[in-house]
Amino acid sequence: MVTVERRQTIEMHLFKLAVIHAIEAAKDRDRSSYSHLVKELENSIVSLITCYTSLEGFANSIGLEFYGNHPDKERQRKWWEGIDGSDPMIELPLLSKLNNLLKEVCKDNPNIQSPRSLPSELQEKIKDMTDLRKSLIHYRADFYKEAQTIKLDNNLIITPEFDLYKYETSIEFIKIYKEVVDEFNKYSRRKDYGGFVNVILKDYNLAL
């Protein structure tokens, strides 16, 4: 008897949520209305967190292919436990993990002569993406000087968070995700990584 193991790749569903909530955030881009600002903020926060979490899942799925579920036990150990005092690869920061895995994708393609890393501009975007996600996951309320805030006509005060966690930032996260997927497919011999990204963007008519 053969045992078949199945794994649900929820990164697809997380990405779908990111797109849905970015679209919802777009409906409330009225910078003069506090109620609209709050709705934009709320939907943007959900979009940002689910998009980043989905990208982590995307990286980990590729990591399972080349390390975690690889027949080579040494590769499995490198992913899950670490070897020679190194940290487990699964625990690497997202950018380091993506660069390591892109090198493996390149090595797996006989048409690629040397391993590649993500473009430097994209790496900087992922660093900023990680910092912003960290600011949400480990959020702490700050005090702001009056000059740092905006007062609406009804005297309600808008703090800098409303200009950070917004629709445009959600779209930037989604764009970065797509850029990462495109880089992996550029060097992959299979060219089917993250195929759900373009499908979901098309389904929801989200043009980047």
Foldseek 3Di string as FASTA:
>chain_A
DDDDDDDDLCLLVLQLLLVVLLVQLVVLPDPQDPVSLVSQLVSLLSNLLSLVVSLLSLLVVLLCVQACVDPDVVSNCLQPPNPPPDHHLNPDPSQVSLQVSQQVQLVVFPVRDGGDGQDPVLSVLVVVSVVLSVCVVVPDDDDDDPVQWDAHPVRDIHHCSSVVRGSVVSVSSLVSSVSSLVSSLVRHPVSCRPVSSVVSCVVVVPDD
